[in-house]
Amino acid sequence: MAAMITTVQQTELGLNLSTKRTRKREFLAQMERVVPWAQLEALIAPYAPQGLRGRPPFPLGTMLRIHFMQQWFNYSDAAMEEALHDIPLLRRFAGLDAGTDTLPDETTILNFRHLLQTHRLSARLFAEVNGLLAEKGLLLREGTSVDATLIAAPPSTKNRDGQRDPEMTQTKKGNQWYFGMKAHIGVDDASGLVHSVVGTTAKVSDMSQFGELLHGDEVRVSADRGYDYPQIHAQLEESLIEDWVARKAKPGKSLDAWTRNLNRAIAKLRAIGEHPFRILKRQFGYTKVRYRGLEKNTAQLVTLFALGNLYQARRALLATG
């Protein structure tokens, strides 16, 4: 009985030492090995509080791991605080020992996120991650697949301001209206890794951001019908870049065999370019903007795509050490 009570007490206190390899445990173990923690911390360190007055700050590595767990598991600041109290696995990943007297609260977590936003560090973290992937030969930069997706924002006006986010807008896709923002990306069509990210309000056309999604060294570009405009083709032709857009059959007619095979080949390329969106929406659970304002949400998108790149390349990174 005493042994059973001890086991129950350990479980209640979050001290269960089970080593079952759950999916979350395996995921965090992989991310611990593939994220370049030292390099990312070095980028943030010049802007981090030094703790010369007041309570000593939590270690930078701890706060960065907590920030990344927010992205991986789609936690708000308040939910992240509760998860640290409830889930021993997350505490261990953040480097918070079982004997720690205090844990980062909601305000501490929010302040770290604001630190990254204020100094626009998300873009630098994204560049650092992509630099690592390029060094490993995983980001080839020969061809680019461009794409965009809509991300919904809360349409409710039941908030403190009594209005919807003024930086979010409506747009129509097919027969359905959407309210929110749009994420535009440029993807390396060989590896599926994202090299360019632009966040805009929803009503901005895909075509308007086309030039921002190219890195300038492409030999080919693939896109969907949203980019099929004469000015886009002229721009690529002037740069001697091969561009591929799937063709549709005219009403009442079918495509010839050559065009069908071409469309099939383009669809395979397009699938590579669309895979990063799947990681954000399915793996990380990111289907709706969390904050008010375009700048905050774009900063989160950039961080998410940096982490998505590491997730896509994790097996290759683990294999190469």
C-alpha atoms as a PDB file:
ATOM      1  CA  MET A   1       0.000   0.000   0.000  1.00  0.00           C
ATOM      2  CA  ALA A   2       2.816   2.364   0.895  1.00  0.00           C
ATOM      3  CA  ALA A   3       4.494   1.728  -2.456  1.00  0.00           C
ATOM      4  CA  MET A   4       1.200   2.339  -4.274  1.00  0.00           C
ATOM      5  CA  ILE A   5       0.630   5.599  -2.418  1.00  0.00           C
ATOM      6  CA  THR A   6       4.140   6.715  -3.267  1.00  0.00           C
ATOM      7  CA  THR A   7       3.526   6.046  -6.975  1.00  0.00           C
ATOM      8  CA  VAL A   8       0.244   7.985  -6.877  1.00  0.00           C
ATOM      9  CA  GLN A   9       1.931  10.869  -5.091  1.00  0.00           C
ATOM     10  CA  GLN A  10       4.713  10.922  -7.674  1.00  0.00           C
ATOM     11  CA  THR A  11       2.180  11.062 -10.503  1.00  0.00           C
ATOM     12  CA  GLU A  12       0.227  13.879  -8.822  1.00  0.00           C
ATOM     13  CA  LEU A  13       3.414  15.840  -8.270  1.00  0.00           C
ATOM     14  CA  GLY A  14       4.533  15.439 -11.894  1.00  0.00           C
ATOM     15  CA  LEU A  15       7.432  13.180 -10.948  1.00  0.00           C
ATOM     16  CA  ASN A  16       6.423  10.167 -13.013  1.00  0.00           C
ATOM     17  CA  LEU A  17       9.638   8.810 -14.510  1.00  0.00           C
ATOM     18  CA  SER A  18       7.997   6.717 -17.245  1.00  0.00           C
ATOM     19  CA  THR A  19      10.215   6.386 -20.307  1.00  0.00           C
ATOM     20  CA  LYS A  20       7.478   5.464 -22.802  1.00  0.00           C
ATOM     21  CA  ARG A  21       8.398   7.062 -26.128  1.00  0.00           C
ATOM     22  CA  THR A  22       5.248   9.038 -26.789  1.00  0.00           C
ATOM     23  CA  ARG A  23       4.960  11.077 -29.983  1.00  0.00           C
ATOM     24  CA  LYS A  24       5.394  14.339 -28.091  1.00  0.00           C
ATOM     25  CA  ARG A  25       8.446  13.017 -26.244  1.00  0.00           C
ATOM     26  CA  GLU A  26       9.981  11.767 -29.506  1.00  0.00           C
ATOM     27  CA  PHE A  27       9.215  15.052 -31.262  1.00  0.00           C
ATOM     28  CA  LEU A  28      10.880  17.139 -28.541  1.00  0.00           C
ATOM     29  CA  ALA A  29      13.883  14.824 -28.487  1.00  0.00           C
ATOM     30  CA  GLN A  30      14.345  15.379 -32.223  1.00  0.00           C
ATOM     31  CA  MET A  31      13.892  19.159 -31.959  1.00  0.00           C
ATOM     32  CA  GLU A  32      16.420  19.315 -29.125  1.00  0.00           C
ATOM     33  CA  ARG A  33      18.994  17.861 -31.517  1.00  0.00           C
ATOM     34  CA  VAL A  34      18.163  19.695 -34.760  1.00  0.00           C
ATOM     35  CA  VAL A  35      17.456  23.258 -33.569  1.00  0.00           C
ATOM     36  CA  PRO A  36      20.704  25.302 -33.556  1.00  0.00           C
ATOM     37  CA  TRP A  37      20.120  26.577 -30.041  1.00  0.00           C
ATOM     38  CA  ALA A  38      23.524  28.193 -29.480  1.00  0.00           C
ATOM     39  CA  GLN A  39      23.392  30.216 -32.700  1.00  0.00           C
ATOM     40  CA  LEU A  40      19.818  31.385 -32.103  1.00  0.00           C
ATOM     41  CA  GLU A  41      20.523  32.346 -28.507  1.00  0.00           C
ATOM     42  CA  ALA A  42      23.560  34.336 -29.656  1.00  0.00           C
ATOM     43  CA  LEU A  43      21.296  36.396 -31.949  1.00  0.00           C
ATOM     44  CA  ILE A  44      18.926  37.251 -29.114  1.00  0.00           C
ATOM     45  CA  ALA A  45      21.464  37.739 -26.316  1.00  0.00           C
ATOM     46  CA  PRO A  46      22.375  41.396 -27.109  1.00  0.00           C
ATOM     47  CA  TYR A  47      18.716  42.390 -26.631  1.00  0.00           C
ATOM     48  CA  ALA A  48      17.858  40.197 -23.648  1.00  0.00           C
ATOM     49  CA  PRO A  49      17.469  41.739 -20.158  1.00  0.00           C
ATOM     50  CA  GLN A  50      20.625  41.519 -18.096  1.00  0.00           C
ATOM     51  CA  GLY A  51      18.910  41.233 -14.707  1.00  0.00           C
ATOM     52  CA  LEU A  52      20.870  44.036 -13.076  1.00  0.00           C
ATOM     53  CA  ARG A  53      17.795  45.037 -11.054  1.00  0.00           C
ATOM     54  CA  GLY A  54      14.925  43.093  -9.603  1.00  0.00           C
ATOM     55  CA  ARG A  55      14.382  39.354  -9.893  1.00  0.00           C
ATOM     56  CA  PRO A  56      17.009  37.537 -11.986  1.00  0.00           C
ATOM     57  CA  PRO A  57      15.605  36.668 -15.421  1.00  0.00           C
ATOM     58  CA  PHE A  58      15.080  33.098 -16.535  1.00  0.00           C
ATOM     59  CA  PRO A  59      17.895  31.730 -18.732  1.00  0.00           C
ATOM     60  CA  LEU A  60      17.653  32.762 -22.373  1.00  0.00           C
ATOM     61  CA  GLY A  61      17.711  29.119 -23.487  1.00  0.00           C
ATOM     62  CA  THR A  62      14.715  28.376 -21.267  1.00  0.00           C
ATOM     63  CA  MET A  63      12.656  31.251 -22.676  1.00  0.00           C
ATOM     64  CA  LEU A  64      13.541  30.375 -26.274  1.00  0.00           C
ATOM     65  CA  ARG A  65      12.478  26.761 -25.744  1.00  0.00           C
ATOM     66  CA  ILE A  66       9.202  27.913 -24.203  1.00  0.00           C
ATOM     67  CA  HIS A  67       8.618  30.268 -27.137  1.00  0.00           C
ATOM     68  CA  PHE A  68       9.196  27.462 -29.618  1.00  0.00           C
ATOM     69  CA  MET A  69       6.902  25.096 -27.705  1.00  0.00           C
ATOM     70  CA  GLN A  70       4.185  27.728 -28.070  1.00  0.00           C
ATOM     71  CA  GLN A  71       4.573  27.473 -31.845  1.00  0.00           C
ATOM     72  CA  TRP A  72       4.823  23.676 -31.990  1.00  0.00           C
ATOM     73  CA  PHE A  73       1.788  23.029 -29.774  1.00  0.00           C
ATOM     74  CA  ASN A  74      -0.256  26.163 -30.562  1.00  0.00           C
ATOM     75  CA  TYR A  75      -0.311  27.504 -26.988  1.00  0.00           C
ATOM     76  CA  SER A  76      -1.347  31.016 -26.033  1.00  0.00           C
ATOM     77  CA  ASP A  77       0.742  32.779 -23.367  1.00  0.00           C
ATOM     78  CA  ALA A  78      -1.717  31.768 -20.643  1.00  0.00           C
ATOM     79  CA  ALA A  79      -2.010  28.186 -21.918  1.00  0.00           C
ATOM     80  CA  MET A  80       1.791  27.887 -22.061  1.00  0.00           C
ATOM     81  CA  GLU A  81       2.051  28.910 -18.403  1.00  0.00           C
ATOM     82  CA  GLU A  82      -0.509  26.282 -17.404  1.00  0.00           C
ATOM     83  CA  ALA A  83       1.190  23.606 -19.532  1.00  0.00           C
ATOM     84  CA  LEU A  84       4.493  24.228 -17.739  1.00  0.00           C
ATOM     85  CA  HIS A  85       2.749  23.608 -14.427  1.00  0.00           C
ATOM     86  CA  ASP A  86       0.833  20.552 -15.664  1.00  0.00           C
ATOM     87  CA  ILE A  87       3.249  18.695 -17.968  1.00  0.00           C
ATOM     88  CA  PRO A  88       6.652  17.574 -16.589  1.00  0.00           C
ATOM     89  CA  LEU A  89       7.905  16.749 -20.096  1.00  0.00           C
ATOM     90  CA  LEU A  90       7.593  20.399 -21.161  1.00  0.00           C
ATOM     91  CA  ARG A  91       9.318  21.612 -18.010  1.00  0.00           C
ATOM     92  CA  ARG A  92      12.236  19.272 -18.600  1.00  0.00           C
ATOM     93  CA  PHE A  93      12.550  20.366 -22.210  1.00  0.00           C
ATOM     94  CA  ALA A  94      12.670  24.009 -21.067  1.00  0.00           C
ATOM     95  CA  GLY A  95      15.426  23.165 -18.578  1.00  0.00           C
ATOM     96  CA  LEU A  96      13.236  23.795 -15.523  1.00  0.00           C
ATOM     97  CA  ASP A  97      14.145  21.297 -12.796  1.00  0.00           C
ATOM     98  CA  ALA A  98      11.535  19.664 -10.599  1.00  0.00           C
ATOM     99  CA  GLY A  99      12.901  21.630  -7.653  1.00  0.00           C
ATOM    100  CA  THR A 100      12.482  25.038  -9.305  1.00  0.00           C
ATOM    101  CA  ASP A 101      10.618  27.405  -6.971  1.00  0.00           C
ATOM    102  CA  THR A 102       9.044  29.540  -9.715  1.00  0.00           C
ATOM    103  CA  LEU A 103       8.059  28.984 -13.322  1.00  0.00           C
ATOM    104  CA  PRO A 104       7.725  31.629 -16.053  1.00  0.00           C
ATOM    105  CA  ASP A 105       4.262  33.160 -15.824  1.00  0.00           C
ATOM    106  CA  GLU A 106       2.045  34.489 -18.595  1.00  0.00           C
ATOM    107  CA  THR A 107       3.555  37.991 -18.401  1.00  0.00           C
ATOM    108  CA  THR A 108       7.133  36.697 -18.585  1.00  0.00           C
ATOM    109  CA  ILE A 109       6.262  34.614 -21.645  1.00  0.00           C
ATOM    110  CA  LEU A 110       4.503  37.585 -23.268  1.00  0.00           C
ATOM    111  CA  ASN A 111       7.468  39.898 -22.573  1.00  0.00           C
ATOM    112  CA  PHE A 112       9.867  37.518 -24.301  1.00  0.00           C
ATOM    113  CA  ARG A 113       7.608  37.400 -27.367  1.00  0.00           C
ATOM    114  CA  HIS A 114       7.460  41.208 -27.367  1.00  0.00           C
ATOM    115  CA  LEU A 115      11.260  41.313 -27.147  1.00  0.00           C
ATOM    116  CA  LEU A 116      11.510  39.308 -30.378  1.00  0.00           C
ATOM    117  CA  GLN A 117       8.861  41.460 -32.066  1.00  0.00           C
ATOM    118  CA  THR A 118      10.346  44.793 -30.985  1.00  0.00           C
ATOM    119  CA  HIS A 119      13.766  43.981 -32.390  1.00  0.00           C
ATOM    120  CA  ARG A 120      12.383  42.087 -35.417  1.00  0.00           C
ATOM    121  CA  LEU A 121      14.356  39.016 -34.444  1.00  0.00           C
ATOM    122  CA  SER A 122      11.998  36.491 -36.049  1.00  0.00           C
ATOM    123  CA  ALA A 123      13.389  37.306 -39.497  1.00  0.00           C
ATOM    124  CA  ARG A 124      16.950  36.909 -38.221  1.00  0.00           C
ATOM    125  CA  LEU A 125      16.135  33.554 -36.622  1.00  0.00           C
ATOM    126  CA  PHE A 126      14.584  32.447 -39.924  1.00  0.00           C
ATOM    127  CA  ALA A 127      17.723  33.520 -41.821  1.00  0.00           C
ATOM    128  CA  GLU A 128      19.979  31.727 -39.325  1.00  0.00           C
ATOM    129  CA  VAL A 129      18.032  28.483 -39.693  1.00  0.00           C
ATOM    130  CA  ASN A 130      18.110  28.698 -43.484  1.00  0.00           C
ATOM    131  CA  GLY A 131      21.828  29.448 -43.387  1.00  0.00           C
ATOM    132  CA  LEU A 132      22.363  26.220 -41.460  1.00  0.00           C
ATOM    133  CA  LEU A 133      20.244  24.259 -43.951  1.00  0.00           C
ATOM    134  CA  ALA A 134      22.174  25.763 -46.864  1.00  0.00           C
ATOM    135  CA  GLU A 135      25.486  24.800 -45.248  1.00  0.00           C
ATOM    136  CA  LYS A 136      24.227  21.232 -44.943  1.00  0.00           C
ATOM    137  CA  GLY A 137      23.348  21.219 -48.643  1.00  0.00           C
ATOM    138  CA  LEU A 138      19.614  20.921 -47.952  1.00  0.00           C
ATOM    139  CA  LEU A 139      18.497  24.303 -49.331  1.00  0.00           C
ATOM    140  CA  LEU A 140      19.481  24.159 -53.001  1.00  0.00           C
ATOM    141  CA  ARG A 141      17.946  27.430 -54.327  1.00  0.00           C
ATOM    142  CA  GLU A 142      17.724  26.396 -57.982  1.00  0.00           C
ATOM    143  CA  GLY A 143      13.970  26.462 -58.466  1.00  0.00           C
ATOM    144  CA  THR A 144      11.168  28.193 -56.594  1.00  0.00           C
ATOM    145  CA  SER A 145       7.536  27.273 -56.163  1.00  0.00           C
ATOM    146  CA  VAL A 146       5.397  30.228 -55.045  1.00  0.00           C
ATOM    147  CA  ASP A 147       2.101  29.902 -53.239  1.00  0.00           C
ATOM    148  CA  ALA A 148      -0.205  31.640 -50.776  1.00  0.00           C
ATOM    149  CA  THR A 149      -2.834  30.599 -48.264  1.00  0.00           C
ATOM    150  CA  LEU A 150      -5.550  32.390 -46.340  1.00  0.00           C
ATOM    151  CA  ILE A 151      -5.411  32.377 -42.543  1.00  0.00           C
ATOM    152  CA  ALA A 152      -8.628  33.169 -40.751  1.00  0.00           C
ATOM    153  CA  ALA A 153      -8.976  35.851 -38.092  1.00  0.00           C
ATOM    154  CA  PRO A 154     -11.777  36.069 -35.494  1.00  0.00           C
ATOM    155  CA  PRO A 155     -14.656  38.024 -37.109  1.00  0.00           C
ATOM    156  CA  SER A 156     -16.343  38.707 -33.759  1.00  0.00           C
ATOM    157  CA  THR A 157     -16.676  42.258 -32.414  1.00  0.00           C
ATOM    158  CA  LYS A 158     -17.206  41.061 -28.849  1.00  0.00           C
ATOM    159  CA  ASN A 159     -13.901  42.381 -27.582  1.00  0.00           C
ATOM    160  CA  ARG A 160     -12.565  45.347 -25.638  1.00  0.00           C
ATOM    161  CA  ASP A 161     -12.500  47.600 -28.724  1.00  0.00           C
ATOM    162  CA  GLY A 162     -15.873  46.467 -30.020  1.00  0.00           C
ATOM    163  CA  GLN A 163     -14.551  45.945 -33.536  1.00  0.00           C
ATOM    164  CA  ARG A 164     -12.759  43.459 -35.730  1.00  0.00           C
ATOM    165  CA  ASP A 165      -9.036  43.749 -36.297  1.00  0.00           C
ATOM    166  CA  PRO A 166      -8.726  46.739 -38.693  1.00  0.00           C
ATOM    167  CA  GLU A 167      -5.621  45.213 -40.337  1.00  0.00           C
ATOM    168  CA  MET A 168      -7.531  42.096 -41.390  1.00  0.00           C
ATOM    169  CA  THR A 169      -9.775  42.191 -44.469  1.00  0.00           C
ATOM    170  CA  GLN A 170     -12.268  40.104 -46.402  1.00  0.00           C
ATOM    171  CA  THR A 171     -11.701  38.322 -49.677  1.00  0.00           C
ATOM    172  CA  LYS A 172     -13.635  35.827 -51.756  1.00  0.00           C
ATOM    173  CA  LYS A 173     -12.247  32.474 -52.844  1.00  0.00           C
ATOM    174  CA  GLY A 174     -14.560  30.454 -55.025  1.00  0.00           C
ATOM    175  CA  ASN A 175     -18.007  31.012 -53.595  1.00  0.00           C
ATOM    176  CA  GLN A 176     -16.867  31.548 -50.015  1.00  0.00           C
ATOM    177  CA  TRP A 177     -15.838  34.714 -48.178  1.00  0.00           C
ATOM    178  CA  TYR A 178     -12.854  34.737 -45.816  1.00  0.00           C
ATOM    179  CA  PHE A 179     -11.766  37.270 -43.187  1.00  0.00           C
ATOM    180  CA  GLY A 180      -8.159  37.424 -42.070  1.00  0.00           C
ATOM    181  CA  MET A 181      -4.681  37.600 -43.573  1.00  0.00           C
ATOM    182  CA  LYS A 182      -2.660  35.845 -46.249  1.00  0.00           C
ATOM    183  CA  ALA A 183       0.694  34.072 -46.021  1.00  0.00           C
ATOM    184  CA  HIS A 184       2.806  34.155 -49.208  1.00  0.00           C
ATOM    185  CA  ILE A 185       5.828  31.861 -49.467  1.00  0.00           C
ATOM    186  CA  GLY A 186       8.643  31.003 -51.845  1.00  0.00           C
ATOM    187  CA  VAL A 187       9.702  27.354 -51.561  1.00  0.00           C
ATOM    188  CA  ASP A 188      12.776  25.553 -52.831  1.00  0.00           C
ATOM    189  CA  ASP A 189      11.171  23.124 -55.265  1.00  0.00           C
ATOM    190  CA  ALA A 190      13.813  20.424 -54.711  1.00  0.00           C
ATOM    191  CA  SER A 191      13.709  20.242 -50.911  1.00  0.00           C
ATOM    192  CA  GLY A 192      10.351  21.843 -50.056  1.00  0.00           C
ATOM    193  CA  LEU A 193      12.042  24.256 -47.641  1.00  0.00           C
ATOM    194  CA  VAL A 194      10.697  27.814 -47.386  1.00  0.00           C
ATOM    195  CA  HIS A 195      13.164  30.575 -48.251  1.00  0.00           C
ATOM    196  CA  SER A 196      10.835  33.618 -48.416  1.00  0.00           C
ATOM    197  CA  VAL A 197       7.818  34.657 -46.327  1.00  0.00           C
ATOM    198  CA  VAL A 198       5.512  37.660 -46.739  1.00  0.00           C
ATOM    199  CA  GLY A 199       2.411  38.378 -44.671  1.00  0.00           C
ATOM    200  CA  THR A 200      -0.350  40.602 -46.046  1.00  0.00           C
ATOM    201  CA  THR A 201      -3.979  41.311 -45.407  1.00  0.00           C
ATOM    202  CA  ALA A 202      -6.366  38.857 -47.074  1.00  0.00           C
ATOM    203  CA  LYS A 203      -7.522  41.031 -49.973  1.00  0.00           C
ATOM    204  CA  VAL A 204      -3.991  41.512 -51.362  1.00  0.00           C
ATOM    205  CA  SER A 205      -3.606  39.570 -54.601  1.00  0.00           C
ATOM    206  CA  ASP A 206      -1.136  36.696 -54.883  1.00  0.00           C
ATOM    207  CA  MET A 207       0.419  38.263 -57.981  1.00  0.00           C
ATOM    208  CA  SER A 208       1.355  41.504 -56.187  1.00  0.00           C
ATOM    209  CA  GLN A 209       3.836  39.692 -53.916  1.00  0.00           C
ATOM    210  CA  PHE A 210       5.416  37.535 -56.626  1.00  0.00           C
ATOM    211  CA  GLY A 211       8.701  39.444 -56.831  1.00  0.00           C
ATOM    212  CA  GLU A 212       9.183  39.342 -53.044  1.00  0.00           C
ATOM    213  CA  LEU A 213       9.088  35.548 -53.059  1.00  0.00           C
ATOM    214  CA  LEU A 214      12.026  35.035 -55.443  1.00  0.00           C
ATOM    215  CA  HIS A 215      15.627  35.027 -54.210  1.00  0.00           C
ATOM    216  CA  GLY A 216      17.040  36.002 -57.623  1.00  0.00           C
ATOM    217  CA  ASP A 217      19.055  32.903 -58.511  1.00  0.00           C
ATOM    218  CA  GLU A 218      16.221  30.735 -59.829  1.00  0.00           C
ATOM    219  CA  VAL A 219      16.434  28.875 -63.098  1.00  0.00           C
ATOM    220  CA  ARG A 220      12.764  27.859 -62.921  1.00  0.00           C
ATOM    221  CA  VAL A 221       9.575  28.985 -61.199  1.00  0.00           C
ATOM    222  CA  SER A 222       6.293  27.114 -60.748  1.00  0.00           C
ATOM    223  CA  ALA A 223       3.024  28.681 -59.667  1.00  0.00           C
ATOM    224  CA  ASP A 224      -0.722  28.171 -59.746  1.00  0.00           C
ATOM    225  CA  ARG A 225      -3.311  30.089 -61.766  1.00  0.00           C
ATOM    226  CA  GLY A 226      -3.219  32.996 -59.334  1.00  0.00           C
ATOM    227  CA  TYR A 227       0.095  34.070 -60.885  1.00  0.00           C
ATOM    228  CA  ASP A 228      -0.823  33.437 -64.532  1.00  0.00           C
ATOM    229  CA  TYR A 229      -0.618  37.031 -65.803  1.00  0.00           C
ATOM    230  CA  PRO A 230       1.230  38.489 -68.824  1.00  0.00           C
ATOM    231  CA  GLN A 231       3.389  40.781 -66.650  1.00  0.00           C
ATOM    232  CA  ILE A 232       4.578  37.814 -64.571  1.00  0.00           C
ATOM    233  CA  HIS A 233       5.528  35.809 -67.671  1.00  0.00           C
ATOM    234  CA  ALA A 234       7.283  38.853 -69.148  1.00  0.00           C
ATOM    235  CA  GLN A 235       9.275  39.390 -65.944  1.00  0.00           C
ATOM    236  CA  LEU A 236      10.462  35.793 -65.919  1.00  0.00           C
ATOM    237  CA  GLU A 237      11.199  35.730 -69.629  1.00  0.00           C
ATOM    238  CA  GLU A 238      13.353  38.839 -69.254  1.00  0.00           C
ATOM    239  CA  SER A 239      15.370  37.055 -66.561  1.00  0.00           C
ATOM    240  CA  LEU A 240      15.587  33.858 -68.665  1.00  0.00           C
ATOM    241  CA  ILE A 241      13.677  31.925 -66.010  1.00  0.00           C
ATOM    242  CA  GLU A 242      11.535  29.012 -67.066  1.00  0.00           C
ATOM    243  CA  ASP A 243       8.006  29.257 -65.654  1.00  0.00           C
ATOM    244  CA  TRP A 244       5.391  26.544 -65.377  1.00  0.00           C
ATOM    245  CA  VAL A 245       1.662  27.055 -64.888  1.00  0.00           C
ATOM    246  CA  ALA A 246      -0.909  24.285 -65.246  1.00  0.00           C
ATOM    247  CA  ARG A 247      -3.297  24.704 -68.176  1.00  0.00           C
ATOM    248  CA  LYS A 248      -7.070  24.258 -68.078  1.00  0.00           C
ATOM    249  CA  ALA A 249      -9.238  22.800 -70.819  1.00  0.00           C
ATOM    250  CA  LYS A 250     -11.709  25.056 -72.609  1.00  0.00           C
ATOM    251  CA  PRO A 251     -15.397  24.452 -71.803  1.00  0.00           C
ATOM    252  CA  GLY A 252     -16.682  21.374 -73.592  1.00  0.00           C
ATOM    253  CA  LYS A 253     -13.210  20.205 -74.617  1.00  0.00           C
ATOM    254  CA  SER A 254     -10.541  17.957 -73.125  1.00  0.00           C
ATOM    255  CA  LEU A 255      -6.798  18.414 -72.875  1.00  0.00           C
ATOM    256  CA  ASP A 256      -4.454  16.515 -75.148  1.00  0.00           C
ATOM    257  CA  ALA A 257      -2.170  13.845 -73.702  1.00  0.00           C
ATOM    258  CA  TRP A 258       0.941  16.060 -73.717  1.00  0.00           C
ATOM    259  CA  THR A 259      -0.803  18.811 -71.705  1.00  0.00           C
ATOM    260  CA  ARG A 260      -2.236  16.303 -69.244  1.00  0.00           C
ATOM    261  CA  ASN A 261       1.234  14.871 -68.607  1.00  0.00           C
ATOM    262  CA  LEU A 262       2.635  18.387 -68.202  1.00  0.00           C
ATOM    263  CA  ASN A 263      -0.091  19.256 -65.689  1.00  0.00           C
ATOM    264  CA  ARG A 264       0.681  16.059 -63.794  1.00  0.00           C
ATOM    265  CA  ALA A 265       4.377  16.984 -63.571  1.00  0.00           C
ATOM    266  CA  ILE A 266       3.533  20.522 -62.458  1.00  0.00           C
ATOM    267  CA  ALA A 267       1.135  19.159 -59.826  1.00  0.00           C
ATOM    268  CA  LYS A 268       3.991  17.176 -58.282  1.00  0.00           C
ATOM    269  CA  LEU A 269       6.078  20.347 -58.066  1.00  0.00           C
ATOM    270  CA  ARG A 270       3.147  22.283 -56.657  1.00  0.00           C
ATOM    271  CA  ALA A 271       2.647  19.617 -53.973  1.00  0.00           C
ATOM    272  CA  ILE A 272       6.200  20.264 -52.779  1.00  0.00           C
ATOM    273  CA  GLY A 273       5.433  23.976 -52.513  1.00  0.00           C
ATOM    274  CA  GLU A 274       2.188  23.382 -50.634  1.00  0.00           C
ATOM    275  CA  HIS A 275       3.636  20.966 -48.063  1.00  0.00           C
ATOM    276  CA  PRO A 276       4.910  23.724 -45.693  1.00  0.00           C
ATOM    277  CA  PHE A 277       1.331  24.931 -45.242  1.00  0.00           C
ATOM    278  CA  ARG A 278       0.326  21.414 -44.250  1.00  0.00           C
ATOM    279  CA  ILE A 279       3.016  21.358 -41.551  1.00  0.00           C
ATOM    280  CA  LEU A 280       1.773  24.628 -40.060  1.00  0.00           C
ATOM    281  CA  LYS A 281      -1.890  23.697 -40.163  1.00  0.00           C
ATOM    282  CA  ARG A 282      -1.760  19.979 -39.337  1.00  0.00           C
ATOM    283  CA  GLN A 283       1.497  19.355 -37.474  1.00  0.00           C
ATOM    284  CA  PHE A 284       1.588  22.641 -35.510  1.00  0.00           C
ATOM    285  CA  GLY A 285      -2.177  23.231 -35.424  1.00  0.00           C
ATOM    286  CA  TYR A 286      -1.918  26.785 -36.771  1.00  0.00           C
ATOM    287  CA  THR A 287      -5.229  27.496 -38.515  1.00  0.00           C
ATOM    288  CA  LYS A 288      -6.168  30.929 -37.157  1.00  0.00           C
ATOM    289  CA  VAL A 289      -4.244  34.100 -36.304  1.00  0.00           C
ATOM    290  CA  ARG A 290      -3.632  34.504 -32.588  1.00  0.00           C
ATOM    291  CA  TYR A 291      -2.876  38.204 -32.265  1.00  0.00           C
ATOM    292  CA  ARG A 292      -4.298  41.523 -33.414  1.00  0.00           C
ATOM    293  CA  GLY A 293      -2.267  43.343 -36.033  1.00  0.00           C
ATOM    294  CA  LEU A 294      -0.465  42.247 -39.166  1.00  0.00           C
ATOM    295  CA  GLU A 295       3.078  42.737 -37.849  1.00  0.00           C
ATOM    296  CA  LYS A 296       2.645  40.448 -34.824  1.00  0.00           C
ATOM    297  CA  ASN A 297       1.026  37.701 -36.861  1.00  0.00           C
ATOM    298  CA  THR A 298       3.632  37.944 -39.636  1.00  0.00           C
ATOM    299  CA  ALA A 299       6.408  37.624 -37.050  1.00  0.00           C
ATOM    300  CA  GLN A 300       4.771  34.441 -35.781  1.00  0.00           C
ATOM    301  CA  LEU A 301       4.445  33.128 -39.335  1.00  0.00           C
ATOM    302  CA  VAL A 302       8.157  33.659 -39.985  1.00  0.00           C
ATOM    303  CA  THR A 303       9.009  31.772 -36.778  1.00  0.00           C
ATOM    304  CA  LEU A 304       6.614  28.966 -37.697  1.00  0.00           C
ATOM    305  CA  PHE A 305       8.139  28.520 -41.146  1.00  0.00           C
ATOM    306  CA  ALA A 306      11.662  28.477 -39.659  1.00  0.00           C
ATOM    307  CA  LEU A 307      10.599  25.696 -37.305  1.00  0.00           C
ATOM    308  CA  GLY A 308       8.718  24.010 -40.140  1.00  0.00           C
ATOM    309  CA  ASN A 309      11.923  23.930 -42.190  1.00  0.00           C
ATOM    310  CA  LEU A 310      13.751  22.241 -39.334  1.00  0.00           C
ATOM    311  CA  TYR A 311      10.912  19.760 -38.947  1.00  0.00           C
ATOM    312  CA  GLN A 312      10.995  18.899 -42.667  1.00  0.00           C
ATOM    313  CA  ALA A 313      14.767  18.490 -42.644  1.00  0.00           C
ATOM    314  CA  ARG A 314      15.011  16.752 -39.264  1.00  0.00           C
ATOM    315  CA  ARG A 315      15.868  13.297 -40.586  1.00  0.00           C
ATOM    316  CA  ALA A 316      18.616  14.625 -42.837  1.00  0.00           C
ATOM    317  CA  LEU A 317      19.978  16.795 -40.018  1.00  0.00           C
ATOM    318  CA  LEU A 318      19.968  13.890 -37.583  1.00  0.00           C
ATOM    319  CA  ALA A 319      21.689  11.672 -40.143  1.00  0.00           C
ATOM    320  CA  THR A 320      24.445  14.232 -40.703  1.00  0.00           C
ATOM    321  CA  GLY A 321      24.880  15.015 -37.007  1.00  0.00           C
END
